[in-house]
Amino acid sequence: VQPIILDCTLRDGGYYNKWDFPSEIIDSYLYAMSKVNVDVVEIGFRSKLNTEYKGACAYSREDFLATLDIPSNLLISVMLNASELVSSEDQISLIDDLFPVSVEYSKVDIVRIACNHIEVANVLQSVNRLSELGYRVAINLMQVFSMTEDLISDLIAIINTSKAEVVYF
């Protein structure tokens, strides 16, 4: 199995500048990642929560992504916070609001959902809906250092009932 290299510098680095990167820097960064054979760049988050100013990478909307010069050999990923999904009254409607009705209309290839252990079972309908729309879906299981092996095994069994393709620790 060939490993897939995912870079999340823009998403993770955004905590330092409120995800407000100039588009020229993003384009240069995407070009550099394509040249060093990174497979996936996680451009930022996708969210409807907007209570303060944050840059375009905090929401990674399709209109913003369309302005970028994304090399053809790069896949684009965004991260969803499970807390936003589980607090929603209707996860399917939220997913449909956040993502185009088909991956054919999106610059996003992969959606990673960041979950703590108590959220895993509650995001599976979102995982499955994203998969139905054509997105590759991954669960980013957070804080595994504090979990027992049995809990991790139980969580993997729960995730395996969904259409998630990958589990990250």
N, C-alpha and C. Protein backbone atom coordinates (compact mmCIF):
# COMPACT_ATOMS: atom_id res chain seq x y z
N VAL A 1 0.84 -1.17 0.00
CA VAL A 1 0.00 0.00 0.00
C VAL A 1 0.89 1.24 0.00
N GLN A 2 0.63 2.12 -0.93
CA GLN A 2 1.38 3.38 -1.02
C GLN A 2 0.79 4.39 -0.03
N PRO A 3 1.62 4.98 0.82
CA PRO A 3 1.09 5.98 1.74
C PRO A 3 0.63 7.23 0.99
N ILE A 4 -0.35 7.90 1.54
CA ILE A 4 -0.83 9.17 1.01
C ILE A 4 -0.35 10.26 1.95
N ILE A 5 0.29 11.26 1.39
CA ILE A 5 0.81 12.35 2.20
C ILE A 5 -0.18 13.50 2.19
N LEU A 6 -0.67 13.84 3.38
CA LEU A 6 -1.61 14.94 3.56
C LEU A 6 -0.91 16.05 4.33
N ASP A 7 -0.95 17.25 3.78
CA ASP A 7 -0.37 18.41 4.45
C ASP A 7 -1.50 19.29 4.96
N CYS A 8 -1.45 19.66 6.23
CA CYS A 8 -2.50 20.50 6.80
C CYS A 8 -1.94 21.82 7.33
N THR A 9 -0.86 22.30 6.73
CA THR A 9 -0.21 23.52 7.18
C THR A 9 -1.15 24.72 7.14
N LEU A 10 -1.92 24.87 6.06
CA LEU A 10 -2.81 26.03 5.96
C LEU A 10 -3.92 25.96 7.01
N ARG A 11 -4.52 24.78 7.17
CA ARG A 11 -5.58 24.66 8.16
C ARG A 11 -5.03 24.83 9.57
N ASP A 12 -3.98 24.10 9.89
CA ASP A 12 -3.42 24.15 11.24
C ASP A 12 -2.73 25.48 11.50
N GLY A 13 -2.02 26.00 10.50
CA GLY A 13 -1.33 27.28 10.66
C GLY A 13 -2.29 28.45 10.80
N GLY A 14 -3.51 28.26 10.36
CA GLY A 14 -4.51 29.32 10.44
C GLY A 14 -4.86 29.74 11.86
N TYR A 15 -4.56 28.89 12.82
CA TYR A 15 -4.81 29.28 14.21
C TYR A 15 -3.99 30.51 14.59
N TYR A 16 -2.90 30.77 13.86
CA TYR A 16 -2.02 31.89 14.18
C TYR A 16 -2.41 33.18 13.48
N ASN A 17 -3.16 33.09 12.36
CA ASN A 17 -3.52 34.31 11.63
C ASN A 17 -5.01 34.35 11.25
N LYS A 18 -5.82 33.62 11.98
CA LYS A 18 -7.27 33.55 11.74
C LYS A 18 -7.57 33.10 10.31
N TRP A 19 -6.74 32.23 9.76
CA TRP A 19 -6.96 31.61 8.45
C TRP A 19 -7.04 32.66 7.35
N ASP A 20 -6.31 33.75 7.55
CA ASP A 20 -6.35 34.86 6.60
C ASP A 20 -5.04 34.92 5.81
N PHE A 21 -4.90 34.01 4.86
CA PHE A 21 -3.71 33.94 4.02
C PHE A 21 -3.98 34.67 2.71
N PRO A 22 -3.05 35.47 2.22
CA PRO A 22 -3.22 36.07 0.90
C PRO A 22 -3.29 34.96 -0.17
N SER A 23 -4.14 35.14 -1.16
CA SER A 23 -4.33 34.10 -2.18
C SER A 23 -3.03 33.81 -2.93
N GLU A 24 -2.15 34.80 -3.09
CA GLU A 24 -0.88 34.56 -3.77
C GLU A 24 -0.02 33.57 -2.98
N ILE A 25 -0.05 33.68 -1.66
CA ILE A 25 0.71 32.75 -0.82
C ILE A 25 0.11 31.36 -0.92
N ILE A 26 -1.22 31.27 -0.90
CA ILE A 26 -1.86 29.96 -1.02
C ILE A 26 -1.51 29.32 -2.35
N ASP A 27 -1.61 30.08 -3.45
CA ASP A 27 -1.28 29.54 -4.77
C ASP A 27 0.18 29.07 -4.82
N SER A 28 1.11 29.87 -4.27
CA SER A 28 2.52 29.47 -4.25
C SER A 28 2.71 28.22 -3.41
N TYR A 29 2.01 28.16 -2.30
CA TYR A 29 2.12 26.99 -1.43
C TYR A 29 1.59 25.73 -2.12
N LEU A 30 0.44 25.84 -2.77
CA LEU A 30 -0.12 24.69 -3.50
C LEU A 30 0.84 24.22 -4.58
N TYR A 31 1.44 25.16 -5.28
CA TYR A 31 2.41 24.81 -6.32
C TYR A 31 3.61 24.06 -5.71
N ALA A 32 4.13 24.58 -4.59
CA ALA A 32 5.27 23.94 -3.93
C ALA A 32 4.91 22.53 -3.47
N MET A 33 3.73 22.37 -2.90
CA MET A 33 3.31 21.04 -2.44
C MET A 33 3.19 20.07 -3.61
N SER A 34 2.72 20.55 -4.75
CA SER A 34 2.60 19.68 -5.92
C SER A 34 3.97 19.24 -6.42
N LYS A 35 4.97 20.08 -6.25
CA LYS A 35 6.32 19.76 -6.72
C LYS A 35 7.06 18.80 -5.79
N VAL A 36 6.67 18.74 -4.52
CA VAL A 36 7.34 17.82 -3.58
C VAL A 36 6.51 16.56 -3.36
N ASN A 37 5.56 16.32 -4.24
CA ASN A 37 4.75 15.10 -4.26
C ASN A 37 3.86 14.90 -3.04
N VAL A 38 3.39 15.98 -2.46
CA VAL A 38 2.32 15.88 -1.47
C VAL A 38 1.06 15.51 -2.24
N ASP A 39 0.26 14.61 -1.71
CA ASP A 39 -0.93 14.13 -2.41
C ASP A 39 -2.16 14.99 -2.13
N VAL A 40 -2.29 15.42 -0.87
CA VAL A 40 -3.49 16.13 -0.43
C VAL A 40 -3.08 17.35 0.38
N VAL A 41 -3.73 18.49 0.09
CA VAL A 41 -3.55 19.67 0.92
C VAL A 41 -4.88 19.99 1.58
N GLU A 42 -4.84 20.02 2.90
CA GLU A 42 -6.03 20.41 3.65
C GLU A 42 -6.01 21.93 3.74
N ILE A 43 -6.87 22.54 2.95
CA ILE A 43 -6.85 23.98 2.74
C ILE A 43 -7.37 24.75 3.95
N GLY A 44 -8.28 24.13 4.70
CA GLY A 44 -8.86 24.79 5.86
C GLY A 44 -10.07 24.02 6.36
N PHE A 45 -10.95 24.74 7.00
CA PHE A 45 -12.19 24.16 7.52
C PHE A 45 -13.33 24.41 6.54
N ARG A 46 -14.42 23.75 6.78
CA ARG A 46 -15.71 24.09 6.15
C ARG A 46 -16.67 24.21 7.32
N SER A 47 -17.32 25.36 7.43
CA SER A 47 -18.16 25.62 8.59
C SER A 47 -19.19 26.68 8.26
N LYS A 48 -20.30 26.62 8.97
CA LYS A 48 -21.30 27.69 8.89
C LYS A 48 -21.20 28.62 10.10
N LEU A 49 -20.41 28.25 11.10
CA LEU A 49 -20.27 29.08 12.29
C LEU A 49 -19.41 30.29 11.94
N ASN A 50 -19.98 31.46 12.08
CA ASN A 50 -19.28 32.67 11.69
C ASN A 50 -19.61 33.78 12.68
N THR A 51 -18.94 33.76 13.81
CA THR A 51 -19.24 34.74 14.86
C THR A 51 -18.20 35.84 14.95
N GLU A 52 -17.08 35.71 14.25
CA GLU A 52 -16.03 36.72 14.26
C GLU A 52 -15.30 36.66 12.93
N TYR A 53 -14.50 37.69 12.65
CA TYR A 53 -13.77 37.68 11.38
C TYR A 53 -12.76 36.54 11.36
N LYS A 54 -12.79 35.81 10.30
CA LYS A 54 -11.78 34.80 9.99
C LYS A 54 -11.57 34.83 8.49
N GLY A 55 -10.39 34.45 8.07
CA GLY A 55 -10.08 34.45 6.65
C GLY A 55 -10.77 33.33 5.89
N ALA A 56 -10.56 33.34 4.60
CA ALA A 56 -11.25 32.42 3.70
C ALA A 56 -10.96 30.94 4.00
N CYS A 57 -9.78 30.63 4.51
CA CYS A 57 -9.45 29.23 4.79
C CYS A 57 -10.22 28.68 6.00
N ALA A 58 -10.82 29.57 6.79
CA ALA A 58 -11.63 29.10 7.92
C ALA A 58 -12.93 28.46 7.43
N TYR A 59 -13.36 28.84 6.23
CA TYR A 59 -14.63 28.33 5.70
C TYR A 59 -14.44 27.56 4.40
N SER A 60 -13.39 27.86 3.68
CA SER A 60 -13.02 27.15 2.44
C SER A 60 -14.23 26.92 1.53
N ARG A 61 -14.98 27.98 1.32
CA ARG A 61 -16.17 27.89 0.47
C ARG A 61 -15.77 27.68 -0.99
N GLU A 62 -16.71 27.14 -1.74
CA GLU A 62 -16.44 26.84 -3.14
C GLU A 62 -16.07 28.08 -3.95
N ASP A 63 -16.71 29.23 -3.68
CA ASP A 63 -16.38 30.43 -4.43
C ASP A 63 -14.93 30.87 -4.17
N PHE A 64 -14.44 30.66 -2.95
CA PHE A 64 -13.04 30.95 -2.64
C PHE A 64 -12.13 29.95 -3.33
N LEU A 65 -12.44 28.67 -3.23
CA LEU A 65 -11.59 27.64 -3.84
C LEU A 65 -11.48 27.82 -5.35
N ALA A 66 -12.54 28.31 -5.98
CA ALA A 66 -12.54 28.52 -7.43
C ALA A 66 -11.54 29.61 -7.84
N THR A 67 -11.14 30.47 -6.92
CA THR A 67 -10.18 31.53 -7.25
C THR A 67 -8.74 31.06 -7.17
N LEU A 68 -8.52 29.88 -6.62
CA LEU A 68 -7.16 29.39 -6.42
C LEU A 68 -6.66 28.62 -7.64
N ASP A 69 -5.36 28.62 -7.80
CA ASP A 69 -4.72 27.87 -8.88
C ASP A 69 -4.27 26.52 -8.30
N ILE A 70 -5.18 25.55 -8.31
CA ILE A 70 -4.92 24.25 -7.71
C ILE A 70 -4.29 23.33 -8.75
N PRO A 71 -3.05 22.90 -8.53
CA PRO A 71 -2.41 21.98 -9.48
C PRO A 71 -3.22 20.70 -9.64
N SER A 72 -3.22 20.16 -10.84
CA SER A 72 -4.05 18.99 -11.15
C SER A 72 -3.63 17.73 -10.40
N ASN A 73 -2.39 17.68 -9.90
CA ASN A 73 -1.95 16.49 -9.18
C ASN A 73 -2.19 16.57 -7.67
N LEU A 74 -2.90 17.61 -7.21
CA LEU A 74 -3.20 17.76 -5.78
C LEU A 74 -4.67 17.50 -5.53
N LEU A 75 -4.95 16.78 -4.46
CA LEU A 75 -6.31 16.66 -3.96
C LEU A 75 -6.49 17.71 -2.87
N ILE A 76 -7.71 18.21 -2.74
CA ILE A 76 -8.00 19.22 -1.74
C ILE A 76 -8.89 18.62 -0.66
N SER A 77 -8.54 18.90 0.58
CA SER A 77 -9.29 18.42 1.73
C SER A 77 -9.74 19.60 2.56
N VAL A 78 -10.86 19.43 3.24
CA VAL A 78 -11.30 20.37 4.26
C VAL A 78 -11.64 19.58 5.52
N MET A 79 -11.63 20.27 6.64
CA MET A 79 -11.96 19.63 7.91
C MET A 79 -13.28 20.19 8.43
N LEU A 80 -14.10 19.29 8.93
CA LEU A 80 -15.33 19.65 9.65
C LEU A 80 -15.12 19.31 11.11
N ASN A 81 -15.62 20.16 11.99
CA ASN A 81 -15.60 19.83 13.41
C ASN A 81 -16.88 19.06 13.75
N ALA A 82 -16.71 17.90 14.34
CA ALA A 82 -17.87 17.09 14.72
C ALA A 82 -18.80 17.84 15.66
N SER A 83 -18.24 18.72 16.48
CA SER A 83 -19.09 19.46 17.42
C SER A 83 -20.15 20.27 16.69
N GLU A 84 -19.81 20.83 15.53
CA GLU A 84 -20.80 21.57 14.75
C GLU A 84 -21.87 20.63 14.20
N LEU A 85 -21.46 19.45 13.79
CA LEU A 85 -22.41 18.48 13.25
C LEU A 85 -23.37 17.98 14.33
N VAL A 86 -22.83 17.57 15.48
CA VAL A 86 -23.69 16.97 16.50
C VAL A 86 -24.58 18.00 17.18
N SER A 87 -24.23 19.27 17.12
CA SER A 87 -25.10 20.29 17.70
C SER A 87 -26.19 20.75 16.74
N SER A 88 -26.11 20.29 15.51
CA SER A 88 -27.11 20.66 14.51
C SER A 88 -28.38 19.84 14.71
N GLU A 89 -29.52 20.47 14.48
CA GLU A 89 -30.79 19.74 14.58
C GLU A 89 -30.97 18.78 13.41
N ASP A 90 -30.32 19.06 12.28
CA ASP A 90 -30.46 18.24 11.08
C ASP A 90 -29.12 18.18 10.36
N GLN A 91 -28.34 17.14 10.67
CA GLN A 91 -27.01 17.02 10.09
C GLN A 91 -27.04 16.93 8.57
N ILE A 92 -28.01 16.22 8.02
CA ILE A 92 -28.07 16.05 6.57
C ILE A 92 -28.27 17.40 5.89
N SER A 93 -29.17 18.22 6.43
CA SER A 93 -29.37 19.56 5.87
C SER A 93 -28.12 20.41 6.00
N LEU A 94 -27.43 20.28 7.11
CA LEU A 94 -26.19 21.03 7.30
C LEU A 94 -25.15 20.61 6.26
N ILE A 95 -24.99 19.30 6.06
CA ILE A 95 -24.05 18.81 5.05
C ILE A 95 -24.45 19.33 3.67
N ASP A 96 -25.74 19.26 3.36
CA ASP A 96 -26.20 19.74 2.06
C ASP A 96 -26.01 21.24 1.89
N ASP A 97 -26.07 22.00 2.98
CA ASP A 97 -25.79 23.43 2.91
C ASP A 97 -24.30 23.72 2.72
N LEU A 98 -23.46 22.87 3.31
CA LEU A 98 -22.02 23.10 3.27
C LEU A 98 -21.34 22.59 2.00
N PHE A 99 -21.92 21.57 1.37
CA PHE A 99 -21.27 20.92 0.24
C PHE A 99 -22.20 20.85 -0.96
N PRO A 100 -21.63 21.04 -2.17
CA PRO A 100 -22.46 20.89 -3.37
C PRO A 100 -23.09 19.50 -3.45
N VAL A 101 -24.17 19.43 -4.19
CA VAL A 101 -24.93 18.18 -4.28
C VAL A 101 -24.15 17.05 -4.93
N SER A 102 -23.01 17.35 -5.51
CA SER A 102 -22.15 16.32 -6.08
C SER A 102 -20.72 16.80 -6.05
N VAL A 103 -19.82 15.90 -5.80
CA VAL A 103 -18.40 16.24 -5.78
C VAL A 103 -17.96 16.79 -7.14
N GLU A 104 -18.72 16.51 -8.20
CA GLU A 104 -18.40 17.04 -9.53
C GLU A 104 -18.40 18.57 -9.55
N TYR A 105 -19.14 19.19 -8.65
CA TYR A 105 -19.25 20.65 -8.61
C TYR A 105 -18.37 21.26 -7.53
N SER A 106 -17.47 20.49 -6.98
CA SER A 106 -16.67 20.94 -5.86
C SER A 106 -15.18 20.81 -6.16
N LYS A 107 -14.40 21.69 -5.56
CA LYS A 107 -12.94 21.58 -5.59
C LYS A 107 -12.44 20.66 -4.48
N VAL A 108 -13.34 20.28 -3.57
CA VAL A 108 -12.98 19.44 -2.43
C VAL A 108 -13.10 17.97 -2.83
N ASP A 109 -12.06 17.22 -2.51
CA ASP A 109 -12.05 15.78 -2.78
C ASP A 109 -12.29 14.97 -1.52
N ILE A 110 -11.73 15.44 -0.40
CA ILE A 110 -11.74 14.67 0.84
C ILE A 110 -12.23 15.57 1.98
N VAL A 111 -13.09 15.01 2.81
CA VAL A 111 -13.57 15.72 3.99
C VAL A 111 -13.12 14.92 5.21
N ARG A 112 -12.41 15.60 6.11
CA ARG A 112 -11.99 14.96 7.36
C ARG A 112 -12.87 15.52 8.47
N ILE A 113 -13.42 14.63 9.27
CA ILE A 113 -14.26 15.05 10.39
C ILE A 113 -13.49 14.82 11.68
N ALA A 114 -13.23 15.90 12.40
CA ALA A 114 -12.48 15.83 13.65
C ALA A 114 -13.45 15.51 14.78
N CYS A 115 -13.23 14.35 15.44
CA CYS A 115 -14.15 13.85 16.47
C CYS A 115 -13.41 13.51 17.75
N ASN A 116 -14.06 13.76 18.86
CA ASN A 116 -13.60 13.11 20.08
C ASN A 116 -14.42 11.84 20.24
N HIS A 117 -14.08 11.01 21.19
CA HIS A 117 -14.68 9.67 21.25
C HIS A 117 -16.19 9.70 21.46
N ILE A 118 -16.72 10.70 22.16
CA ILE A 118 -18.16 10.71 22.41
C ILE A 118 -18.97 11.18 21.20
N GLU A 119 -18.30 11.73 20.18
CA GLU A 119 -18.99 12.22 18.99
C GLU A 119 -19.04 11.23 17.85
N VAL A 120 -18.21 10.21 17.89
CA VAL A 120 -18.05 9.31 16.74
C VAL A 120 -19.38 8.74 16.25
N ALA A 121 -20.12 8.10 17.12
CA ALA A 121 -21.38 7.47 16.68
C ALA A 121 -22.38 8.50 16.17
N ASN A 122 -22.26 9.73 16.65
CA ASN A 122 -23.22 10.76 16.28
C ASN A 122 -22.92 11.47 14.97
N VAL A 123 -21.81 11.17 14.32
CA VAL A 123 -21.50 11.82 13.04
C VAL A 123 -21.62 10.87 11.85
N LEU A 124 -22.00 9.63 12.10
CA LEU A 124 -22.00 8.65 11.02
C LEU A 124 -23.00 8.98 9.91
N GLN A 125 -24.11 9.62 10.25
CA GLN A 125 -25.04 10.00 9.18
C GLN A 125 -24.40 11.07 8.28
N SER A 126 -23.60 11.95 8.84
CA SER A 126 -22.88 12.94 8.03
C SER A 126 -21.83 12.26 7.16
N VAL A 127 -21.11 11.31 7.75
CA VAL A 127 -20.11 10.55 6.98
C VAL A 127 -20.78 9.91 5.78
N ASN A 128 -21.89 9.24 6.01
CA ASN A 128 -22.56 8.52 4.93
C ASN A 128 -23.13 9.48 3.89
N ARG A 129 -23.65 10.63 4.33
CA ARG A 129 -24.19 11.59 3.36
C ARG A 129 -23.08 12.15 2.48
N LEU A 130 -21.96 12.50 3.07
CA LEU A 130 -20.83 12.99 2.29
C LEU A 130 -20.37 11.96 1.27
N SER A 131 -20.32 10.71 1.69
CA SER A 131 -19.94 9.63 0.78
C SER A 131 -20.94 9.50 -0.36
N GLU A 132 -22.23 9.60 -0.05
CA GLU A 132 -23.27 9.55 -1.09
C GLU A 132 -23.09 10.67 -2.11
N LEU A 133 -22.60 11.83 -1.66
CA LEU A 133 -22.37 12.97 -2.55
C LEU A 133 -21.09 12.81 -3.38
N GLY A 134 -20.30 11.79 -3.06
CA GLY A 134 -19.09 11.49 -3.83
C GLY A 134 -17.79 11.90 -3.19
N TYR A 135 -17.84 12.41 -1.97
CA TYR A 135 -16.62 12.82 -1.28
C TYR A 135 -15.98 11.62 -0.60
N ARG A 136 -14.66 11.62 -0.54
CA ARG A 136 -13.97 10.65 0.29
C ARG A 136 -14.01 11.21 1.71
N VAL A 137 -14.28 10.35 2.68
CA VAL A 137 -14.50 10.84 4.05
C VAL A 137 -13.54 10.12 5.00
N ALA A 138 -12.97 10.90 5.90
CA ALA A 138 -12.07 10.36 6.92
C ALA A 138 -12.52 10.88 8.28
N ILE A 139 -12.31 10.06 9.28
CA ILE A 139 -12.54 10.45 10.67
C ILE A 139 -11.18 10.73 11.29
N ASN A 140 -11.03 11.91 11.86
CA ASN A 140 -9.81 12.25 12.59
C ASN A 140 -10.15 12.09 14.07
N LEU A 141 -9.78 10.97 14.63
CA LEU A 141 -10.07 10.66 16.02
C LEU A 141 -9.07 11.37 16.92
N MET A 142 -9.58 12.32 17.70
CA MET A 142 -8.71 13.17 18.52
C MET A 142 -8.51 12.58 19.92
N GLN A 143 -7.43 12.96 20.53
CA GLN A 143 -7.10 12.64 21.92
C GLN A 143 -7.03 11.14 22.22
N VAL A 144 -6.50 10.38 21.27
CA VAL A 144 -6.40 8.93 21.49
C VAL A 144 -5.43 8.59 22.61
N PHE A 145 -4.54 9.50 22.94
CA PHE A 145 -3.59 9.23 24.02
C PHE A 145 -4.29 8.96 25.34
N SER A 146 -5.52 9.45 25.48
CA SER A 146 -6.24 9.27 26.74
C SER A 146 -7.21 8.08 26.70
N MET A 147 -7.19 7.32 25.62
CA MET A 147 -8.14 6.20 25.46
C MET A 147 -7.47 4.87 25.70
N THR A 148 -8.26 3.93 26.16
CA THR A 148 -7.77 2.56 26.30
C THR A 148 -7.80 1.88 24.92
N GLU A 149 -7.06 0.81 24.81
CA GLU A 149 -7.08 0.03 23.56
C GLU A 149 -8.48 -0.49 23.28
N ASP A 150 -9.20 -0.90 24.32
CA ASP A 150 -10.57 -1.41 24.13
C ASP A 150 -11.49 -0.33 23.58
N LEU A 151 -11.38 0.90 24.10
CA LEU A 151 -12.20 1.98 23.59
C LEU A 151 -11.87 2.27 22.13
N ILE A 152 -10.59 2.31 21.80
CA ILE A 152 -10.20 2.55 20.42
C ILE A 152 -10.76 1.46 19.51
N SER A 153 -10.66 0.21 19.94
CA SER A 153 -11.22 -0.90 19.15
C SER A 153 -12.73 -0.75 18.97
N ASP A 154 -13.42 -0.37 20.03
CA ASP A 154 -14.87 -0.16 19.94
C ASP A 154 -15.20 0.97 18.97
N LEU A 155 -14.44 2.04 19.02
CA LEU A 155 -14.68 3.17 18.12
C LEU A 155 -14.43 2.78 16.66
N ILE A 156 -13.38 2.02 16.43
CA ILE A 156 -13.09 1.54 15.06
C ILE A 156 -14.23 0.67 14.57
N ALA A 157 -14.76 -0.18 15.42
CA ALA A 157 -15.90 -1.02 15.03
C ALA A 157 -17.12 -0.17 14.66
N ILE A 158 -17.35 0.89 15.41
CA ILE A 158 -18.47 1.81 15.10
C ILE A 158 -18.21 2.51 13.76
N ILE A 159 -17.00 3.00 13.57
CA ILE A 159 -16.66 3.70 12.33
C ILE A 159 -16.79 2.76 11.14
N ASN A 160 -16.43 1.49 11.34
CA ASN A 160 -16.51 0.51 10.25
C ASN A 160 -17.94 0.24 9.78
N THR A 161 -18.94 0.69 10.53
CA THR A 161 -20.33 0.54 10.08
C THR A 161 -20.72 1.67 9.13
N SER A 162 -19.82 2.63 8.93
CA SER A 162 -20.10 3.78 8.07
C SER A 162 -19.31 3.65 6.77
N LYS A 163 -19.42 4.70 5.96
CA LYS A 163 -18.72 4.74 4.68
C LYS A 163 -17.41 5.52 4.77
N ALA A 164 -16.91 5.73 5.99
CA ALA A 164 -15.61 6.39 6.16
C ALA A 164 -14.53 5.51 5.54
N GLU A 165 -13.61 6.13 4.81
CA GLU A 165 -12.53 5.38 4.16
C GLU A 165 -11.29 5.29 5.02
N VAL A 166 -11.11 6.27 5.91
CA VAL A 166 -9.86 6.37 6.67
C VAL A 166 -10.17 6.81 8.08
N VAL A 167 -9.37 6.31 9.02
CA VAL A 167 -9.39 6.82 10.39
C VAL A 167 -7.97 7.33 10.69
N TYR A 168 -7.88 8.58 11.13
CA TYR A 168 -6.61 9.18 11.52
C TYR A 168 -6.56 9.26 13.03
N PHE A 169 -5.36 9.13 13.57
CA PHE A 169 -5.16 9.33 15.01
C PHE A 169 -4.27 10.53 15.20
